[in-house]
PDB file of N, CA and C in Angstrom:
ATOM      1  N   UNK A   1     -40.928 -54.952  72.116  1.00  0.00           N
ATOM      2  CA  UNK A   1     -40.883 -55.757  73.306  1.00  0.00           C
ATOM      3  C   UNK A   1     -39.498 -55.581  73.924  1.00  0.00           C
ATOM      4  N   UNK A   2     -39.456 -55.511  75.246  1.00  0.00           N
ATOM      5  CA  UNK A   2     -38.182 -55.316  75.940  1.00  0.00           C
ATOM      6  C   UNK A   2     -37.992 -56.427  76.969  1.00  0.00           C
ATOM      7  N   UNK A   3     -36.814 -57.032  76.952  1.00  0.00           N
ATOM      8  CA  UNK A   3     -36.440 -58.030  77.954  1.00  0.00           C
ATOM      9  C   UNK A   3     -35.362 -57.426  78.840  1.00  0.00           C
ATOM     10  N   UNK A   4     -35.503 -57.600  80.143  1.00  0.00           N
ATOM     11  CA  UNK A   4     -34.446 -57.207  81.077  1.00  0.00           C
ATOM     12  C   UNK A   4     -33.468 -58.362  81.235  1.00  0.00           C
ATOM     13  N   UNK A   5     -32.214 -58.041  81.339  1.00  0.00           N
ATOM     14  CA  UNK A   5     -31.173 -59.030  81.598  1.00  0.00           C
ATOM     15  C   UNK A   5     -30.832 -58.888  83.074  1.00  0.00           C
ATOM     16  N   UNK A   6     -30.987 -59.980  83.817  1.00  0.00           N
ATOM     17  CA  UNK A   6     -30.806 -59.921  85.269  1.00  0.00           C
ATOM     18  C   UNK A   6     -29.771 -60.935  85.746  1.00  0.00           C
ATOM     19  N   UNK A   7     -29.125 -60.549  86.820  1.00  0.00           N
ATOM     20  CA  UNK A   7     -28.346 -61.480  87.622  1.00  0.00           C
ATOM     21  C   UNK A   7     -29.026 -61.455  88.976  1.00  0.00           C
ATOM     22  N   UNK A   8     -29.699 -62.539  89.306  1.00  0.00           N
ATOM     23  CA  UNK A   8     -30.528 -62.552  90.509  1.00  0.00           C
ATOM     24  C   UNK A   8     -31.621 -61.516  90.358  1.00  0.00           C
ATOM     25  N   UNK A   9     -31.724 -60.607  91.302  1.00  0.00           N
ATOM     26  CA  UNK A   9     -32.728 -59.542  91.244  1.00  0.00           C
ATOM     27  C   UNK A   9     -32.182 -58.245  90.638  1.00  0.00           C
ATOM     28  N   UNK A  10     -30.914 -58.242  90.253  1.00  0.00           N
ATOM     29  CA  UNK A  10     -30.281 -57.034  89.739  1.00  0.00           C
ATOM     30  C   UNK A  10     -30.384 -56.967  88.219  1.00  0.00           C
ATOM     31  N   UNK A  11     -31.012 -55.920  87.716  1.00  0.00           N
ATOM     32  CA  UNK A  11     -31.065 -55.693  86.265  1.00  0.00           C
ATOM     33  C   UNK A  11     -29.710 -55.156  85.818  1.00  0.00           C
ATOM     34  N   UNK A  12     -29.081 -55.861  84.864  1.00  0.00           N
ATOM     35  CA  UNK A  12     -27.755 -55.465  84.388  1.00  0.00           C
ATOM     36  C   UNK A  12     -27.764 -55.083  82.909  1.00  0.00           C
ATOM     37  N   UNK A  13     -28.932 -55.170  82.272  1.00  0.00           N
ATOM     38  CA  UNK A  13     -29.015 -54.812  80.865  1.00  0.00           C
ATOM     39  C   UNK A  13     -30.405 -55.035  80.330  1.00  0.00           C
ATOM     40  N   UNK A  14     -30.526 -54.848  79.018  1.00  0.00           N
ATOM     41  CA  UNK A  14     -31.818 -55.047  78.353  1.00  0.00           C
ATOM     42  C   UNK A  14     -31.625 -55.271  76.860  1.00  0.00           C
ATOM     43  N   UNK A  15     -32.641 -55.851  76.250  1.00  0.00           N
ATOM     44  CA  UNK A  15     -32.709 -55.998  74.792  1.00  0.00           C
ATOM     45  C   UNK A  15     -34.105 -55.543  74.375  1.00  0.00           C
ATOM     46  N   UNK A  16     -34.170 -54.618  73.419  1.00  0.00           N
ATOM     47  CA  UNK A  16     -35.440 -54.149  72.866  1.00  0.00           C
ATOM     48  C   UNK A  16     -35.558 -54.642  71.426  1.00  0.00           C
ATOM     49  N   UNK A  17     -36.680 -55.288  71.107  1.00  0.00           N
ATOM     50  CA  UNK A  17     -36.901 -55.866  69.791  1.00  0.00           C
ATOM     51  C   UNK A  17     -38.163 -55.269  69.186  1.00  0.00           C
ATOM     52  N   UNK A  18     -38.075 -54.866  67.922  1.00  0.00           N
ATOM     53  CA  UNK A  18     -39.217 -54.350  67.165  1.00  0.00           C
ATOM     54  C   UNK A  18     -39.610 -55.392  66.114  1.00  0.00           C
ATOM     55  N   UNK A  19     -40.865 -55.328  65.672  1.00  0.00           N
ATOM     56  CA  UNK A  19     -41.390 -56.320  64.737  1.00  0.00           C
ATOM     57  C   UNK A  19     -41.999 -55.655  63.506  1.00  0.00           C
ATOM     58  N   UNK A  20     -41.910 -56.328  62.384  1.00  0.00           N
ATOM     59  CA  UNK A  20     -42.582 -55.898  61.166  1.00  0.00           C
ATOM     60  C   UNK A  20     -42.805 -57.128  60.280  1.00  0.00           C
ATOM     61  N   UNK A  21     -43.339 -56.920  59.093  1.00  0.00           N
ATOM     62  CA  UNK A  21     -43.591 -58.025  58.172  1.00  0.00           C
ATOM     63  C   UNK A  21     -42.626 -57.917  57.004  1.00  0.00           C
ATOM     64  N   UNK A  22     -42.060 -59.048  56.603  1.00  0.00           N
ATOM     65  CA  UNK A  22     -41.095 -59.071  55.510  1.00  0.00           C
ATOM     66  C   UNK A  22     -41.551 -60.027  54.416  1.00  0.00           C
ATOM     67  N   UNK A  23     -41.696 -59.508  53.218  1.00  0.00           N
ATOM     68  CA  UNK A  23     -41.982 -60.381  52.076  1.00  0.00           C
ATOM     69  C   UNK A  23     -40.778 -61.280  51.823  1.00  0.00           C
ATOM     70  N   UNK A  24     -39.573 -60.703  51.912  1.00  0.00           N
ATOM     71  CA  UNK A  24     -38.343 -61.471  51.675  1.00  0.00           C
ATOM     72  C   UNK A  24     -38.240 -62.681  52.583  1.00  0.00           C
ATOM     73  N   UNK A  25     -38.570 -62.522  53.874  1.00  0.00           N
ATOM     74  CA  UNK A  25     -38.436 -63.619  54.830  1.00  0.00           C
ATOM     75  C   UNK A  25     -39.733 -64.404  55.001  1.00  0.00           C
ATOM     76  N   UNK A  26     -40.789 -63.997  54.328  1.00  0.00           N
ATOM     77  CA  UNK A  26     -42.022 -64.776  54.311  1.00  0.00           C
ATOM     78  C   UNK A  26     -42.814 -64.735  55.606  1.00  0.00           C
ATOM     79  N   UNK A  27     -42.792 -63.612  56.280  1.00  0.00           N
ATOM     80  CA  UNK A  27     -43.565 -63.508  57.509  1.00  0.00           C
ATOM     81  C   UNK A  27     -43.012 -62.424  58.413  1.00  0.00           C
ATOM     82  N   UNK A  28     -43.393 -62.503  59.665  1.00  0.00           N
ATOM     83  CA  UNK A  28     -42.953 -61.504  60.628  1.00  0.00           C
ATOM     84  C   UNK A  28     -41.455 -61.640  60.865  1.00  0.00           C
ATOM     85  N   UNK A  29     -40.774 -60.512  60.803  1.00  0.00           N
ATOM     86  CA  UNK A  29     -39.357 -60.509  61.161  1.00  0.00           C
ATOM     87  C   UNK A  29     -39.161 -59.504  62.284  1.00  0.00           C
ATOM     88  N   UNK A  30     -37.952 -59.436  62.792  1.00  0.00           N
ATOM     89  CA  UNK A  30     -37.701 -58.598  63.960  1.00  0.00           C
ATOM     90  C   UNK A  30     -36.352 -57.903  63.823  1.00  0.00           C
ATOM     91  N   UNK A  31     -36.192 -56.871  64.656  1.00  0.00           N
ATOM     92  CA  UNK A  31     -34.970 -56.075  64.642  1.00  0.00           C
ATOM     93  C   UNK A  31     -34.592 -55.769  66.086  1.00  0.00           C
ATOM     94  N   UNK A  32     -33.384 -56.152  66.466  1.00  0.00           N
ATOM     95  CA  UNK A  32     -32.893 -55.793  67.793  1.00  0.00           C
ATOM     96  C   UNK A  32     -32.500 -54.322  67.719  1.00  0.00           C
ATOM     97  N   UNK A  33     -33.344 -53.493  68.304  1.00  0.00           N
ATOM     98  CA  UNK A  33     -33.166 -52.052  68.209  1.00  0.00           C
ATOM     99  C   UNK A  33     -32.203 -51.525  69.266  1.00  0.00           C
ATOM    100  N   UNK A  34     -32.201 -52.121  70.424  1.00  0.00           N
ATOM    101  CA  UNK A  34     -31.313 -51.724  71.505  1.00  0.00           C
ATOM    102  C   UNK A  34     -30.831 -52.976  72.232  1.00  0.00           C
ATOM    103  N   UNK A  35     -29.546 -53.003  72.566  1.00  0.00           N
ATOM    104  CA  UNK A  35     -28.971 -54.105  73.344  1.00  0.00           C
ATOM    105  C   UNK A  35     -27.894 -53.493  74.223  1.00  0.00           C
ATOM    106  N   UNK A  36     -28.076 -53.621  75.529  1.00  0.00           N
ATOM    107  CA  UNK A  36     -27.143 -53.000  76.460  1.00  0.00           C
ATOM    108  C   UNK A  36     -26.898 -53.919  77.634  1.00  0.00           C
ATOM    109  N   UNK A  37     -25.629 -54.040  78.004  1.00  0.00           N
ATOM    110  CA  UNK A  37     -25.235 -54.711  79.246  1.00  0.00           C
ATOM    111  C   UNK A  37     -24.305 -53.752  79.980  1.00  0.00           C
ATOM    112  N   UNK A  38     -24.582 -53.535  81.250  1.00  0.00           N
ATOM    113  CA  UNK A  38     -23.780 -52.658  82.092  1.00  0.00           C
ATOM    114  C   UNK A  38     -22.304 -53.060  81.973  1.00  0.00           C
ATOM    115  N   UNK A  39     -21.444 -52.096  81.815  1.00  0.00           N
ATOM    116  CA  UNK A  39     -20.033 -52.355  81.528  1.00  0.00           C
ATOM    117  C   UNK A  39     -19.373 -53.313  82.515  1.00  0.00           C
ATOM    118  N   UNK A  40     -19.701 -53.228  83.790  1.00  0.00           N
ATOM    119  CA  UNK A  40     -19.054 -54.097  84.771  1.00  0.00           C
ATOM    120  C   UNK A  40     -19.480 -55.560  84.647  1.00  0.00           C
ATOM    121  N   UNK A  41     -20.521 -55.838  83.852  1.00  0.00           N
ATOM    122  CA  UNK A  41     -21.006 -57.213  83.685  1.00  0.00           C
ATOM    123  C   UNK A  41     -20.671 -57.784  82.302  1.00  0.00           C
ATOM    124  N   UNK A  42     -19.948 -57.050  81.502  1.00  0.00           N
ATOM    125  CA  UNK A  42     -19.581 -57.527  80.162  1.00  0.00           C
ATOM    126  C   UNK A  42     -18.447 -58.546  80.249  1.00  0.00           C
ATOM    127  N   UNK A  43     -18.274 -59.281  79.160  1.00  0.00           N
ATOM    128  CA  UNK A  43     -17.212 -60.296  79.052  1.00  0.00           C
ATOM    129  C   UNK A  43     -17.423 -61.461  80.008  1.00  0.00           C
ATOM    130  N   UNK A  44     -18.676 -61.746  80.355  1.00  0.00           N
ATOM    131  CA  UNK A  44     -18.997 -62.877  81.238  1.00  0.00           C
ATOM    132  C   UNK A  44     -19.919 -63.889  80.564  1.00  0.00           C
ATOM    133  N   UNK A  45     -20.187 -63.686  79.281  1.00  0.00           N
ATOM    134  CA  UNK A  45     -21.084 -64.592  78.570  1.00  0.00           C
ATOM    135  C   UNK A  45     -22.549 -64.207  78.646  1.00  0.00           C
ATOM    136  N   UNK A  46     -22.869 -63.121  79.343  1.00  0.00           N
ATOM    137  CA  UNK A  46     -24.270 -62.705  79.466  1.00  0.00           C
ATOM    138  C   UNK A  46     -24.866 -62.315  78.123  1.00  0.00           C
ATOM    139  N   UNK A  47     -24.077 -61.636  77.291  1.00  0.00           N
ATOM    140  CA  UNK A  47     -24.568 -61.223  75.974  1.00  0.00           C
ATOM    141  C   UNK A  47     -24.949 -62.416  75.127  1.00  0.00           C
ATOM    142  N   UNK A  48     -24.090 -63.421  75.103  1.00  0.00           N
ATOM    143  CA  UNK A  48     -24.377 -64.630  74.335  1.00  0.00           C
ATOM    144  C   UNK A  48     -25.627 -65.321  74.868  1.00  0.00           C
ATOM    145  N   UNK A  49     -25.717 -65.463  76.179  1.00  0.00           N
ATOM    146  CA  UNK A  49     -26.902 -66.110  76.766  1.00  0.00           C
ATOM    147  C   UNK A  49     -28.171 -65.317  76.458  1.00  0.00           C
ATOM    148  N   UNK A  50     -28.088 -63.991  76.547  1.00  0.00           N
ATOM    149  CA  UNK A  50     -29.261 -63.163  76.291  1.00  0.00           C
ATOM    150  C   UNK A  50     -29.713 -63.272  74.835  1.00  0.00           C
ATOM    151  N   UNK A  51     -28.774 -63.170  73.912  1.00  0.00           N
ATOM    152  CA  UNK A  51     -29.121 -63.277  72.486  1.00  0.00           C
ATOM    153  C   UNK A  51     -29.709 -64.653  72.195  1.00  0.00           C
ATOM    154  N   UNK A  52     -29.074 -65.717  72.685  1.00  0.00           N
ATOM    155  CA  UNK A  52     -29.585 -67.065  72.436  1.00  0.00           C
ATOM    156  C   UNK A  52     -30.990 -67.233  72.999  1.00  0.00           C
ATOM    157  N   UNK A  53     -31.255 -66.671  74.174  1.00  0.00           N
ATOM    158  CA  UNK A  53     -32.590 -66.752  74.774  1.00  0.00           C
ATOM    159  C   UNK A  53     -33.613 -66.006  73.920  1.00  0.00           C
ATOM    160  N   UNK A  54     -33.282 -64.801  73.490  1.00  0.00           N
ATOM    161  CA  UNK A  54     -34.199 -64.001  72.677  1.00  0.00           C
ATOM    162  C   UNK A  54     -34.473 -64.709  71.351  1.00  0.00           C
ATOM    163  N   UNK A  55     -33.441 -65.222  70.700  1.00  0.00           N
ATOM    164  CA  UNK A  55     -33.615 -65.919  69.426  1.00  0.00           C
ATOM    165  C   UNK A  55     -34.541 -67.119  69.602  1.00  0.00           C
ATOM    166  N   UNK A  56     -34.361 -67.878  70.672  1.00  0.00           N
ATOM    167  CA  UNK A  56     -35.224 -69.027  70.937  1.00  0.00           C
ATOM    168  C   UNK A  56     -36.677 -68.573  71.118  1.00  0.00           C
ATOM    169  N   UNK A  57     -36.900 -67.513  71.877  1.00  0.00           N
ATOM    170  CA  UNK A  57     -38.266 -67.015  72.080  1.00  0.00           C
ATOM    171  C   UNK A  57     -38.885 -66.523  70.776  1.00  0.00           C
ATOM    172  N   UNK A  58     -38.097 -65.811  69.970  1.00  0.00           N
ATOM    173  CA  UNK A  58     -38.606 -65.331  68.689  1.00  0.00           C
ATOM    174  C   UNK A  58     -38.977 -66.495  67.786  1.00  0.00           C
ATOM    175  N   UNK A  59     -38.114 -67.503  67.741  1.00  0.00           N
ATOM    176  CA  UNK A  59     -38.385 -68.690  66.922  1.00  0.00           C
ATOM    177  C   UNK A  59     -39.680 -69.369  67.360  1.00  0.00           C
ATOM    178  N   UNK A  60     -39.887 -69.502  68.671  1.00  0.00           N
ATOM    179  CA  UNK A  60     -41.103 -70.133  69.194  1.00  0.00           C
ATOM    180  C   UNK A  60     -42.354 -69.334  68.827  1.00  0.00           C
ATOM    181  N   UNK A  61     -42.210 -68.029  68.658  1.00  0.00           N
ATOM    182  CA  UNK A  61     -43.341 -67.175  68.291  1.00  0.00           C
ATOM    183  C   UNK A  61     -43.563 -67.125  66.779  1.00  0.00           C
ATOM    184  N   UNK A  62     -42.751 -67.869  66.018  1.00  0.00           N
ATOM    185  CA  UNK A  62     -42.921 -67.920  64.568  1.00  0.00           C
ATOM    186  C   UNK A  62     -42.262 -66.783  63.815  1.00  0.00           C
ATOM    187  N   UNK A  63     -41.399 -66.036  64.477  1.00  0.00           N
ATOM    188  CA  UNK A  63     -40.682 -64.944  63.824  1.00  0.00           C
ATOM    189  C   UNK A  63     -39.690 -65.561  62.841  1.00  0.00           C
ATOM    190  N   UNK A  64     -39.636 -65.020  61.627  1.00  0.00           N
ATOM    191  CA  UNK A  64     -38.867 -65.637  60.546  1.00  0.00           C
ATOM    192  C   UNK A  64     -37.402 -65.211  60.487  1.00  0.00           C
ATOM    193  N   UNK A  65     -37.075 -64.032  61.027  1.00  0.00           N
ATOM    194  CA  UNK A  65     -35.689 -63.546  60.983  1.00  0.00           C
ATOM    195  C   UNK A  65     -35.505 -62.504  62.073  1.00  0.00           C
ATOM    196  N   UNK A  66     -34.276 -62.330  62.481  1.00  0.00           N
ATOM    197  CA  UNK A  66     -33.936 -61.248  63.406  1.00  0.00           C
ATOM    198  C   UNK A  66     -32.676 -60.567  62.873  1.00  0.00           C
ATOM    199  N   UNK A  67     -32.720 -59.247  62.836  1.00  0.00           N
ATOM    200  CA  UNK A  67     -31.598 -58.454  62.347  1.00  0.00           C
ATOM    201  C   UNK A  67     -31.160 -57.501  63.447  1.00  0.00           C
ATOM    202  N   UNK A  68     -29.995 -56.932  63.264  1.00  0.00           N
ATOM    203  CA  UNK A  68     -29.504 -55.922  64.192  1.00  0.00           C
ATOM    204  C   UNK A  68     -28.509 -55.040  63.470  1.00  0.00           C
ATOM    205  N   UNK A  69     -28.162 -53.961  64.113  1.00  0.00           N
ATOM    206  CA  UNK A  69     -27.190 -53.020  63.585  1.00  0.00           C
ATOM    207  C   UNK A  69     -26.010 -52.990  64.546  1.00  0.00           C
ATOM    208  N   UNK A  70     -24.809 -52.947  63.994  1.00  0.00           N
ATOM    209  CA  UNK A  70     -23.610 -52.897  64.846  1.00  0.00           C
ATOM    210  C   UNK A  70     -22.647 -51.867  64.259  1.00  0.00           C
ATOM    211  N   UNK A  71     -22.043 -51.089  65.142  1.00  0.00           N
ATOM    212  CA  UNK A  71     -21.087 -50.073  64.700  1.00  0.00           C
ATOM    213  C   UNK A  71     -19.903 -50.739  64.009  1.00  0.00           C
ATOM    214  N   UNK A  72     -19.447 -50.146  62.941  1.00  0.00           N
ATOM    215  CA  UNK A  72     -18.338 -50.716  62.167  1.00  0.00           C
ATOM    216  C   UNK A  72     -17.091 -50.975  63.002  1.00  0.00           C
ATOM    217  N   UNK A  73     -16.828 -50.138  63.980  1.00  0.00           N
ATOM    218  CA  UNK A  73     -15.607 -50.270  64.783  1.00  0.00           C
ATOM    219  C   UNK A  73     -15.804 -51.069  66.070  1.00  0.00           C
ATOM    220  N   UNK A  74     -17.003 -51.579  66.310  1.00  0.00           N
ATOM    221  CA  UNK A  74     -17.283 -52.315  67.550  1.00  0.00           C
ATOM    222  C   UNK A  74     -16.981 -53.799  67.331  1.00  0.00           C
ATOM    223  N   UNK A  75     -15.704 -54.139  67.353  1.00  0.00           N
ATOM    224  CA  UNK A  75     -15.277 -55.508  67.061  1.00  0.00           C
ATOM    225  C   UNK A  75     -15.741 -56.507  68.103  1.00  0.00           C
ATOM    226  N   UNK A  76     -15.834 -56.095  69.364  1.00  0.00           N
ATOM    227  CA  UNK A  76     -16.329 -57.003  70.404  1.00  0.00           C
ATOM    228  C   UNK A  76     -17.761 -57.415  70.135  1.00  0.00           C
ATOM    229  N   UNK A  77     -18.603 -56.456  69.784  1.00  0.00           N
ATOM    230  CA  UNK A  77     -19.999 -56.777  69.470  1.00  0.00           C
ATOM    231  C   UNK A  77     -20.082 -57.633  68.215  1.00  0.00           C
ATOM    232  N   UNK A  78     -19.263 -57.343  67.227  1.00  0.00           N
ATOM    233  CA  UNK A  78     -19.271 -58.157  66.001  1.00  0.00           C
ATOM    234  C   UNK A  78     -18.926 -59.613  66.314  1.00  0.00           C
ATOM    235  N   UNK A  79     -17.941 -59.827  67.187  1.00  0.00           N
ATOM    236  CA  UNK A  79     -17.577 -61.199  67.575  1.00  0.00           C
ATOM    237  C   UNK A  79     -18.740 -61.882  68.290  1.00  0.00           C
ATOM    238  N   UNK A  80     -19.384 -61.164  69.202  1.00  0.00           N
ATOM    239  CA  UNK A  80     -20.535 -61.715  69.921  1.00  0.00           C
ATOM    240  C   UNK A  80     -21.629 -62.125  68.935  1.00  0.00           C
ATOM    241  N   UNK A  81     -22.009 -61.227  68.045  1.00  0.00           N
ATOM    242  CA  UNK A  81     -23.096 -61.518  67.117  1.00  0.00           C
ATOM    243  C   UNK A  81     -22.718 -62.652  66.165  1.00  0.00           C
ATOM    244  N   UNK A  82     -21.470 -62.698  65.760  1.00  0.00           N
ATOM    245  CA  UNK A  82     -21.007 -63.786  64.896  1.00  0.00           C
ATOM    246  C   UNK A  82     -21.107 -65.127  65.617  1.00  0.00           C
ATOM    247  N   UNK A  83     -20.688 -65.174  66.892  1.00  0.00           N
ATOM    248  CA  UNK A  83     -20.808 -66.410  67.682  1.00  0.00           C
ATOM    249  C   UNK A  83     -22.264 -66.859  67.787  1.00  0.00           C
ATOM    250  N   UNK A  84     -23.174 -65.900  67.776  1.00  0.00           N
ATOM    251  CA  UNK A  84     -24.606 -66.207  67.914  1.00  0.00           C
ATOM    252  C   UNK A  84     -25.273 -66.482  66.564  1.00  0.00           C
ATOM    253  N   UNK A  85     -24.486 -66.533  65.485  1.00  0.00           N
ATOM    254  CA  UNK A  85     -25.010 -66.932  64.191  1.00  0.00           C
ATOM    255  C   UNK A  85     -25.437 -65.802  63.266  1.00  0.00           C
ATOM    256  N   UNK A  86     -25.205 -64.555  63.647  1.00  0.00           N
ATOM    257  CA  UNK A  86     -25.531 -63.434  62.771  1.00  0.00           C
ATOM    258  C   UNK A  86     -24.441 -63.293  61.718  1.00  0.00           C
ATOM    259  N   UNK A  87     -24.841 -62.981  60.493  1.00  0.00           N
ATOM    260  CA  UNK A  87     -23.886 -62.785  59.409  1.00  0.00           C
ATOM    261  C   UNK A  87     -24.182 -61.473  58.705  1.00  0.00           C
ATOM    262  N   UNK A  88     -23.143 -60.785  58.233  1.00  0.00           N
ATOM    263  CA  UNK A  88     -23.370 -59.553  57.477  1.00  0.00           C
ATOM    264  C   UNK A  88     -24.085 -59.865  56.162  1.00  0.00           C
ATOM    265  N   UNK A  89     -24.914 -58.957  55.741  1.00  0.00           N
ATOM    266  CA  UNK A  89     -25.576 -59.089  54.439  1.00  0.00           C
ATOM    267  C   UNK A  89     -24.779 -58.236  53.460  1.00  0.00           C
ATOM    268  N   UNK A  90     -23.786 -58.837  52.854  1.00  0.00           N
ATOM    269  CA  UNK A  90     -22.826 -58.108  52.034  1.00  0.00           C
ATOM    270  C   UNK A  90     -23.464 -57.312  50.896  1.00  0.00           C
ATOM    271  N   UNK A  91     -24.595 -57.770  50.406  1.00  0.00           N
ATOM    272  CA  UNK A  91     -25.230 -57.093  49.278  1.00  0.00           C
ATOM    273  C   UNK A  91     -26.088 -55.908  49.709  1.00  0.00           C
ATOM    274  N   UNK A  92     -26.252 -55.705  51.022  1.00  0.00           N
ATOM    275  CA  UNK A  92     -27.171 -54.680  51.505  1.00  0.00           C
ATOM    276  C   UNK A  92     -26.508 -53.786  52.538  1.00  0.00           C
ATOM    277  N   UNK A  93     -26.958 -52.550  52.595  1.00  0.00           N
ATOM    278  CA  UNK A  93     -26.567 -51.616  53.661  1.00  0.00           C
ATOM    279  C   UNK A  93     -27.834 -51.045  54.258  1.00  0.00           C
ATOM    280  N   UNK A  94     -27.846 -50.893  55.559  1.00  0.00           N
ATOM    281  CA  UNK A  94     -28.965 -50.249  56.215  1.00  0.00           C
ATOM    282  C   UNK A  94     -28.922 -48.761  55.910  1.00  0.00           C
ATOM    283  N   UNK A  95     -30.027 -48.233  55.441  1.00  0.00           N
ATOM    284  CA  UNK A  95     -30.118 -46.794  55.142  1.00  0.00           C
ATOM    285  C   UNK A  95     -31.301 -46.234  55.924  1.00  0.00           C
ATOM    286  N   UNK A  96     -31.171 -44.996  56.388  1.00  0.00           N
ATOM    287  CA  UNK A  96     -32.201 -44.399  57.235  1.00  0.00           C
ATOM    288  C   UNK A  96     -32.463 -42.966  56.797  1.00  0.00           C
ATOM    289  N   UNK A  97     -33.709 -42.551  56.888  1.00  0.00           N
ATOM    290  CA  UNK A  97     -34.085 -41.154  56.729  1.00  0.00           C
ATOM    291  C   UNK A  97     -34.845 -40.750  57.979  1.00  0.00           C
ATOM    292  N   UNK A  98     -34.312 -39.818  58.729  1.00  0.00           N
ATOM    293  CA  UNK A  98     -35.004 -39.318  59.932  1.00  0.00           C
ATOM    294  C   UNK A  98     -36.155 -38.427  59.488  1.00  0.00           C
ATOM    295  N   UNK A  99     -37.269 -38.570  60.157  1.00  0.00           N
ATOM    296  CA  UNK A  99     -38.455 -37.770  59.845  1.00  0.00           C
ATOM    297  C   UNK A  99     -38.747 -36.777  60.943  1.00  0.00           C
TER     298      UNK A  99
END
């Protein structure tokens, strides 16, 4: 599912969320696969508002958890996600195999 982030009629970003089932979380969970805000619109609180809106919608749909991936050196994004209640899972690392 993809949400557009708008200011008035102008699209300034988007968030794409994927869904799957998690035994660990006891139901459907989600993953923010893509999150983008146009550079000229960053640092205005739009990211926080967008994440909070998406989390609220996911919660209303009965989604049990939402995860995301953030670059190790992207400290601005880490601060944003931390403000929105995301925490690192110290015992786990995301691993991928391309097919």
